[in-house]
Amino acid sequence: PQAKQIGQIGSVALSMLGDDGELGMVIFSSRDTQHYQQGMGTVMLNQLARMLPELLERWIERA
């Protein structure tokens, strides 16, 4: 089933987490090949990538 899902990805937007991507990445995907395009604004994606490591650390500490 997972291979079928991969074949249905048309476009992606991603940002690395951490200073050098050592914490992973945040990825948004769409089946639409034109949904995410080069040249689109990345302000929101970059803000999420900056906020997520701290939020994840808090959630892990609570678990």
N, C-alpha and C. Protein backbone atom coordinates (compact mmCIF):
# COMPACT_ATOMS: atom_id res chain seq x y z
N PRO A 1 0.81 -1.21 0.00
CA PRO A 1 0.00 0.00 0.00
C PRO A 1 0.85 1.26 0.00
N GLN A 2 1.97 1.25 0.71
CA GLN A 2 2.79 2.45 0.79
C GLN A 2 3.37 2.82 -0.58
N ALA A 3 3.77 1.86 -1.37
CA ALA A 3 4.33 2.15 -2.69
C ALA A 3 3.30 2.84 -3.57
N LYS A 4 2.04 2.46 -3.44
CA LYS A 4 0.98 3.11 -4.22
C LYS A 4 0.84 4.56 -3.81
N GLN A 5 0.93 4.85 -2.52
CA GLN A 5 0.83 6.22 -2.04
C GLN A 5 1.97 7.07 -2.57
N ILE A 6 3.17 6.54 -2.60
CA ILE A 6 4.31 7.29 -3.09
C ILE A 6 4.11 7.65 -4.55
N GLY A 7 3.54 6.76 -5.33
CA GLY A 7 3.30 7.03 -6.74
C GLY A 7 2.27 8.12 -6.96
N GLN A 8 1.49 8.46 -5.94
CA GLN A 8 0.44 9.46 -6.09
C GLN A 8 0.89 10.85 -5.65
N ILE A 9 2.13 11.02 -5.28
CA ILE A 9 2.62 12.34 -4.88
C ILE A 9 2.97 13.13 -6.12
N GLY A 10 2.33 14.29 -6.26
CA GLY A 10 2.58 15.13 -7.42
C GLY A 10 3.54 16.26 -7.15
N SER A 11 3.51 16.81 -5.94
CA SER A 11 4.42 17.90 -5.59
C SER A 11 4.60 17.92 -4.08
N VAL A 12 5.71 18.48 -3.63
CA VAL A 12 6.01 18.54 -2.21
C VAL A 12 6.60 19.89 -1.83
N ALA A 13 6.43 20.22 -0.55
CA ALA A 13 7.11 21.36 0.06
C ALA A 13 7.76 20.81 1.32
N LEU A 14 9.03 21.08 1.52
CA LEU A 14 9.70 20.55 2.70
C LEU A 14 10.68 21.56 3.27
N SER A 15 10.94 21.39 4.55
CA SER A 15 11.92 22.23 5.24
C SER A 15 12.62 21.37 6.28
N MET A 16 13.91 21.59 6.42
CA MET A 16 14.71 20.83 7.38
C MET A 16 14.49 21.38 8.79
N LEU A 17 14.51 20.49 9.78
CA LEU A 17 14.37 20.88 11.18
C LEU A 17 15.73 20.86 11.86
N GLY A 18 16.01 21.88 12.63
CA GLY A 18 17.30 22.00 13.29
C GLY A 18 18.24 22.84 12.44
N ASP A 19 19.39 23.16 13.01
CA ASP A 19 20.35 24.02 12.32
C ASP A 19 20.83 23.42 11.00
N ASP A 20 21.08 22.13 11.00
CA ASP A 20 21.59 21.46 9.79
C ASP A 20 20.69 20.32 9.34
N GLY A 21 19.44 20.34 9.74
CA GLY A 21 18.53 19.27 9.38
C GLY A 21 18.70 18.02 10.21
N GLU A 22 19.46 18.11 11.30
CA GLU A 22 19.75 16.93 12.12
C GLU A 22 18.52 16.41 12.86
N LEU A 23 17.47 17.22 12.96
CA LEU A 23 16.27 16.80 13.68
C LEU A 23 15.20 16.23 12.75
N GLY A 24 15.48 16.21 11.47
CA GLY A 24 14.52 15.67 10.52
C GLY A 24 14.00 16.74 9.59
N MET A 25 12.80 16.53 9.09
CA MET A 25 12.20 17.50 8.18
C MET A 25 10.69 17.48 8.30
N VAL A 26 10.08 18.58 7.90
CA VAL A 26 8.63 18.66 7.82
C VAL A 26 8.30 18.67 6.33
N ILE A 27 7.34 17.82 5.95
CA ILE A 27 7.01 17.65 4.54
C ILE A 27 5.51 17.76 4.35
N PHE A 28 5.12 18.54 3.37
CA PHE A 28 3.73 18.61 2.93
C PHE A 28 3.71 18.12 1.49
N SER A 29 2.75 17.27 1.18
CA SER A 29 2.68 16.74 -0.19
C SER A 29 1.27 16.89 -0.74
N SER A 30 1.19 16.84 -2.06
CA SER A 30 -0.09 16.93 -2.75
C SER A 30 -0.06 16.00 -3.96
N ARG A 31 -1.19 15.45 -4.29
CA ARG A 31 -1.30 14.66 -5.51
C ARG A 31 -1.26 15.54 -6.75
N ASP A 32 -1.60 16.80 -6.57
CA ASP A 32 -1.61 17.77 -7.66
C ASP A 32 -0.18 18.18 -8.00
N THR A 33 0.25 17.95 -9.23
CA THR A 33 1.62 18.28 -9.62
C THR A 33 1.90 19.78 -9.61
N GLN A 34 0.86 20.59 -9.62
CA GLN A 34 1.04 22.05 -9.64
C GLN A 34 0.75 22.71 -8.28
N HIS A 35 0.43 21.92 -7.27
CA HIS A 35 0.04 22.50 -5.98
C HIS A 35 1.20 23.28 -5.34
N TYR A 36 2.35 22.64 -5.22
CA TYR A 36 3.55 23.30 -4.69
C TYR A 36 4.48 23.55 -5.86
N GLN A 37 4.88 24.80 -6.04
CA GLN A 37 5.72 25.16 -7.17
C GLN A 37 6.92 25.97 -6.72
N GLN A 38 7.99 25.83 -7.46
CA GLN A 38 9.18 26.65 -7.19
C GLN A 38 8.78 28.12 -7.33
N GLY A 39 9.25 28.92 -6.44
CA GLY A 39 8.92 30.34 -6.48
C GLY A 39 7.77 30.74 -5.56
N MET A 40 7.09 29.75 -4.98
CA MET A 40 6.03 30.06 -4.02
C MET A 40 6.67 30.56 -2.73
N GLY A 41 5.95 31.35 -1.98
CA GLY A 41 6.45 31.84 -0.71
C GLY A 41 6.69 30.71 0.27
N THR A 42 7.70 30.86 1.10
CA THR A 42 8.05 29.81 2.07
C THR A 42 8.05 30.33 3.50
N VAL A 43 7.52 31.51 3.72
CA VAL A 43 7.56 32.11 5.06
C VAL A 43 6.88 31.21 6.08
N MET A 44 5.66 30.76 5.81
CA MET A 44 4.94 29.92 6.77
C MET A 44 5.66 28.59 7.00
N LEU A 45 6.14 27.97 5.94
CA LEU A 45 6.87 26.71 6.07
C LEU A 45 8.12 26.90 6.92
N ASN A 46 8.85 27.96 6.71
CA ASN A 46 10.06 28.22 7.50
C ASN A 46 9.72 28.52 8.96
N GLN A 47 8.63 29.22 9.20
CA GLN A 47 8.22 29.49 10.59
C GLN A 47 7.87 28.19 11.31
N LEU A 48 7.15 27.30 10.63
CA LEU A 48 6.83 26.00 11.22
C LEU A 48 8.10 25.22 11.53
N ALA A 49 9.04 25.23 10.61
CA ALA A 49 10.29 24.49 10.80
C ALA A 49 11.08 25.04 11.98
N ARG A 50 10.98 26.33 12.25
CA ARG A 50 11.68 26.91 13.41
C ARG A 50 10.96 26.58 14.71
N MET A 51 9.63 26.52 14.68
CA MET A 51 8.85 26.29 15.90
C MET A 51 8.76 24.82 16.30
N LEU A 52 8.70 23.92 15.34
CA LEU A 52 8.45 22.51 15.63
C LEU A 52 9.46 21.85 16.56
N PRO A 53 10.77 22.05 16.41
CA PRO A 53 11.69 21.36 17.32
C PRO A 53 11.41 21.66 18.80
N GLU A 54 11.16 22.91 19.13
CA GLU A 54 10.87 23.26 20.53
C GLU A 54 9.55 22.66 20.99
N LEU A 55 8.54 22.71 20.13
CA LEU A 55 7.24 22.13 20.49
C LEU A 55 7.34 20.63 20.68
N LEU A 56 8.04 19.96 19.79
CA LEU A 56 8.21 18.51 19.91
C LEU A 56 8.96 18.15 21.19
N GLU A 57 9.96 18.95 21.54
CA GLU A 57 10.71 18.70 22.77
C GLU A 57 9.79 18.79 23.99
N ARG A 58 8.92 19.78 24.01
CA ARG A 58 7.96 19.93 25.12
C ARG A 58 7.02 18.73 25.19
N TRP A 59 6.50 18.31 24.03
CA TRP A 59 5.56 17.19 24.01
C TRP A 59 6.24 15.91 24.48
N ILE A 60 7.49 15.71 24.09
CA ILE A 60 8.22 14.50 24.49
C ILE A 60 8.47 14.51 25.99
N GLU A 61 8.81 15.67 26.55
CA GLU A 61 9.05 15.77 27.99
C GLU A 61 7.79 15.44 28.79
N ARG A 62 6.62 15.77 28.26
CA ARG A 62 5.36 15.51 28.96
C ARG A 62 4.94 14.05 28.89
N ALA A 63 5.41 13.35 27.89
CA ALA A 63 4.98 11.95 27.69
C ALA A 63 5.58 11.02 28.71
